[in-house]
Amino acid sequence: MEARRRRGPARHRLPAVGSSRAGHRCIRQVGHPERFTAAPHVRPGVRRHRAAALFVACWMLAGCGGDQIAFGASGAWARPTPAGATNGVIYLELSSDVRDVLVAADVPTDIAGRAELHTSDAAGGDGHQHGAVGSGTVTMEQVAEVVIEAGATVKFRPGGNHIMLVDLAGPLESGDTFTATLRFSSGRTLDVPVTMSDNPPR
């Protein structure tokens, strides 16, 4: 008598991936259904608008957090003078966070008798002249003030605004330094180190 084969639990065959049963295709799904949520469809135009809005927002934030002009002076220098010279000139750059007006400059008495605000015109314009009048001549004029607008920088340089040192106590020698005090209509002051040099600082 043949031995009776033991039968285990009935096995159910799973449909193969891509096989069809009961008139429709069966696709095996692995993992949790919530992990396969399709990304929402976004129109290209909407994407462009979103990108543009992001760019504008970043630009505005950069503008708000950008560097702002601070109140101060930089690059102050004066040319060395020969023995016997009576006048000297200071050049520099002035910046202000708010509108302010430079009204006076003071220097040590061992440098000069006084300091004055001046402007010059290399084309030979009007005003108080320390030289001849005419085309191509240099004219200089003492001014009562120099206005600095908010967020602006005013350059004192040859051919323009400068601080005149009157009645030098001695020659200005290359490499020497001194401190000039600038006074503003707002009541603020600046102590500015001035270096004697043949050329402006870089």
Protein backbone atom coordinates (compact mmCIF):
# COMPACT_ATOMS: atom_id res chain seq x y z
CA MET A 1 0.00 0.00 0.00
CA GLU A 2 1.44 3.25 -1.11
CA ALA A 3 2.31 5.67 1.63
CA ARG A 4 -0.02 8.62 1.67
CA ARG A 5 1.74 11.84 0.95
CA ARG A 6 1.40 14.56 3.51
CA ARG A 7 -0.17 17.69 2.22
CA GLY A 8 0.60 20.98 3.82
CA PRO A 9 -1.57 24.07 3.80
CA ALA A 10 -2.93 25.05 0.47
CA ARG A 11 -0.59 27.41 -1.38
CA HIS A 12 -1.97 30.37 -3.24
CA ARG A 13 0.08 31.61 -6.08
CA LEU A 14 0.53 35.33 -6.31
CA PRO A 15 0.15 36.82 -9.73
CA ALA A 16 3.49 37.75 -11.26
CA VAL A 17 4.31 41.36 -11.82
CA GLY A 18 2.82 42.35 -15.08
CA SER A 19 0.55 39.30 -15.33
CA SER A 20 -3.16 39.64 -15.88
CA ARG A 21 -5.95 38.06 -13.97
CA ALA A 22 -9.68 38.70 -14.02
CA GLY A 23 -9.29 41.09 -16.95
CA HIS A 24 -6.93 43.60 -15.37
CA ARG A 25 -3.20 43.99 -14.75
CA CYS A 26 -1.90 43.38 -11.27
CA ILE A 27 1.08 45.42 -10.13
CA ARG A 28 2.88 44.39 -6.97
CA GLN A 29 3.14 47.25 -4.50
CA VAL A 30 5.93 47.24 -1.96
CA GLY A 31 5.92 49.41 1.12
CA HIS A 32 3.31 51.57 2.76
CA PRO A 33 0.79 53.20 0.38
CA GLU A 34 1.25 56.65 1.97
CA ARG A 35 4.89 56.69 0.88
CA PHE A 36 3.92 56.69 -2.76
CA THR A 37 1.86 59.87 -2.82
CA ALA A 38 2.36 61.52 -6.18
CA ALA A 39 3.74 65.08 -6.24
CA PRO A 40 1.09 67.62 -7.17
CA HIS A 41 1.24 68.86 -10.72
CA VAL A 42 2.54 72.42 -10.99
CA ARG A 43 2.22 74.34 -14.19
CA PRO A 44 5.50 75.70 -15.60
CA GLY A 45 4.13 79.23 -15.46
CA VAL A 46 3.39 78.91 -11.75
CA ARG A 47 6.89 77.63 -11.15
CA ARG A 48 8.34 80.62 -12.94
CA HIS A 49 6.22 83.01 -10.87
CA ARG A 50 7.27 81.30 -7.66
CA ALA A 51 10.93 81.49 -8.67
CA ALA A 52 10.58 85.17 -9.52
CA ALA A 53 8.89 85.89 -6.19
CA LEU A 54 11.68 84.07 -4.36
CA PHE A 55 14.30 86.09 -6.25
CA VAL A 56 12.59 89.39 -5.37
CA ALA A 57 12.32 88.39 -1.71
CA CYS A 58 16.02 87.51 -1.56
CA TRP A 59 16.90 90.77 -3.31
CA MET A 60 14.85 92.79 -0.82
CA LEU A 61 16.44 91.01 2.12
CA ALA A 62 19.89 91.62 0.68
CA GLY A 63 19.04 95.29 0.24
CA CYS A 64 17.83 95.60 3.79
CA GLY A 65 20.87 93.85 5.20
CA GLY A 66 23.42 95.49 2.93
CA ASP A 67 26.26 97.67 3.99
CA GLN A 68 25.26 101.21 4.93
CA ILE A 69 27.38 104.33 4.75
CA ALA A 70 28.81 105.17 8.18
CA PHE A 71 29.87 108.52 9.56
CA GLY A 72 33.62 108.86 9.21
CA ALA A 73 36.69 110.00 7.31
CA SER A 74 39.29 108.01 5.41
CA GLY A 75 42.42 108.43 3.35
CA ALA A 76 43.51 111.77 4.85
CA TRP A 77 46.84 112.98 3.47
CA ALA A 78 48.83 116.14 2.88
CA ARG A 79 51.65 116.78 0.44
CA PRO A 80 55.07 117.53 1.92
CA THR A 81 56.04 121.18 1.63
CA PRO A 82 59.43 122.77 0.98
CA ALA A 83 61.18 124.87 3.57
CA GLY A 84 59.74 128.36 3.72
CA ALA A 85 56.28 127.36 2.47
CA THR A 86 53.49 129.09 4.34
CA ASN A 87 50.49 126.98 3.25
CA GLY A 88 49.63 123.30 3.02
CA VAL A 89 46.61 121.27 1.96
CA ILE A 90 44.73 118.29 3.41
CA TYR A 91 42.78 115.87 1.19
CA LEU A 92 40.45 113.14 2.43
CA GLU A 93 37.05 111.50 1.98
CA LEU A 94 34.07 112.22 4.25
CA SER A 95 31.00 110.01 4.58
CA SER A 96 27.83 110.42 6.64
CA ASP A 97 24.84 108.26 7.47
CA VAL A 98 22.63 111.36 7.71
CA ARG A 99 22.77 114.76 6.09
CA ASP A 100 25.44 116.81 7.82
CA VAL A 101 27.57 119.88 7.16
CA LEU A 102 31.30 120.27 7.74
CA VAL A 103 31.75 123.76 9.17
CA ALA A 104 35.29 123.89 10.58
CA ALA A 105 38.62 122.12 10.90
CA ASP A 106 41.22 122.47 13.64
CA VAL A 107 44.88 121.43 13.56
CA PRO A 108 47.62 121.56 16.22
CA THR A 109 49.38 124.91 16.50
CA ASP A 110 52.74 123.23 15.92
CA ILE A 111 51.46 122.36 12.43
CA ALA A 112 49.72 125.55 11.29
CA GLY A 113 48.16 128.74 12.60
CA ARG A 114 44.71 127.73 11.38
CA ALA A 115 42.79 125.54 8.93
CA GLU A 116 40.20 126.76 6.42
CA LEU A 117 37.70 125.04 4.15
CA HIS A 118 38.46 125.79 0.53
CA THR A 119 37.39 124.78 -2.94
CA SER A 120 39.33 125.22 -6.15
CA ASP A 121 38.47 125.40 -9.82
CA ALA A 122 41.14 124.31 -12.24
CA ALA A 123 39.16 125.77 -15.15
CA GLY A 124 39.39 129.32 -13.83
CA GLY A 125 35.96 130.11 -12.43
CA ASP A 126 34.63 132.86 -10.19
CA GLY A 127 35.29 133.56 -6.56
CA HIS A 128 38.06 134.71 -4.31
CA GLN A 129 41.30 134.12 -6.18
CA HIS A 130 44.71 133.21 -4.86
CA GLY A 131 46.01 133.45 -8.38
CA ALA A 132 45.29 135.14 -11.66
CA VAL A 133 41.96 135.05 -13.42
CA GLY A 134 41.77 133.56 -16.84
CA SER A 135 41.27 130.47 -18.90
CA GLY A 136 43.36 127.56 -17.67
CA THR A 137 44.29 129.16 -14.35
CA VAL A 138 43.56 127.76 -10.92
CA THR A 139 41.32 129.76 -8.61
CA MET A 140 40.65 128.99 -4.96
CA GLU A 141 37.88 130.17 -2.73
CA GLN A 142 37.30 129.87 0.98
CA VAL A 143 33.90 128.39 1.81
CA ALA A 144 31.92 128.41 5.04
CA GLU A 145 30.74 124.82 4.81
CA VAL A 146 30.74 121.59 2.85
CA VAL A 147 27.47 119.65 2.73
CA ILE A 148 27.45 115.86 2.96
CA GLU A 149 24.15 114.29 1.98
CA ALA A 150 22.81 111.23 3.80
CA GLY A 151 24.50 108.07 2.63
CA ALA A 152 26.97 110.00 0.46
CA THR A 153 30.74 110.38 0.34
CA VAL A 154 32.40 113.71 -0.47
CA LYS A 155 35.94 113.59 -1.80
CA PHE A 156 38.42 116.32 -0.93
CA ARG A 157 41.04 116.11 -3.65
CA PRO A 158 43.25 118.25 -5.90
CA GLY A 159 41.14 120.48 -8.10
CA GLY A 160 38.16 120.43 -5.73
CA ASN A 161 37.35 120.67 -2.05
CA HIS A 162 40.29 120.72 0.36
CA ILE A 163 41.34 121.92 3.80
CA MET A 164 43.91 124.70 3.62
CA LEU A 165 46.61 124.89 6.28
CA VAL A 166 47.49 128.55 6.75
CA ASP A 167 50.69 129.86 8.35
CA LEU A 168 52.61 126.61 8.59
CA ALA A 169 54.79 126.35 11.66
CA GLY A 170 57.34 124.43 9.64
CA PRO A 171 57.65 122.26 6.55
CA LEU A 172 55.43 119.20 6.25
CA GLU A 173 57.81 116.26 5.87
CA SER A 174 57.03 112.97 4.15
CA GLY A 175 56.04 110.21 6.57
CA ASP A 176 55.03 112.54 9.39
CA THR A 177 51.50 112.47 10.80
CA PHE A 178 49.25 114.75 12.81
CA THR A 179 45.60 114.81 13.85
CA ALA A 180 43.02 117.21 12.44
CA THR A 181 39.67 117.71 14.17
CA LEU A 182 36.64 118.19 11.93
CA ARG A 183 33.50 119.88 13.28
CA PHE A 184 29.99 119.48 11.91
CA SER A 185 26.78 121.46 12.23
CA SER A 186 25.15 118.50 13.98
CA GLY A 187 27.63 118.85 16.84
CA ARG A 188 29.55 115.75 15.86
CA THR A 189 33.33 115.81 15.56
CA LEU A 190 35.92 113.61 13.90
CA ASP A 191 39.57 113.25 14.87
CA VAL A 192 41.31 112.37 11.63
CA PRO A 193 44.93 111.17 11.35
CA VAL A 194 46.67 112.90 8.44
CA THR A 195 49.76 111.43 6.78
CA MET A 196 52.24 113.47 4.75
CA SER A 197 52.78 111.80 1.41
CA ASP A 198 53.54 112.69 -2.21
CA ASN A 199 50.62 110.53 -3.36
CA PRO A 200 47.18 109.67 -1.96
CA PRO A 201 46.92 106.39 -0.01
CA ARG A 202 45.63 103.37 -1.89
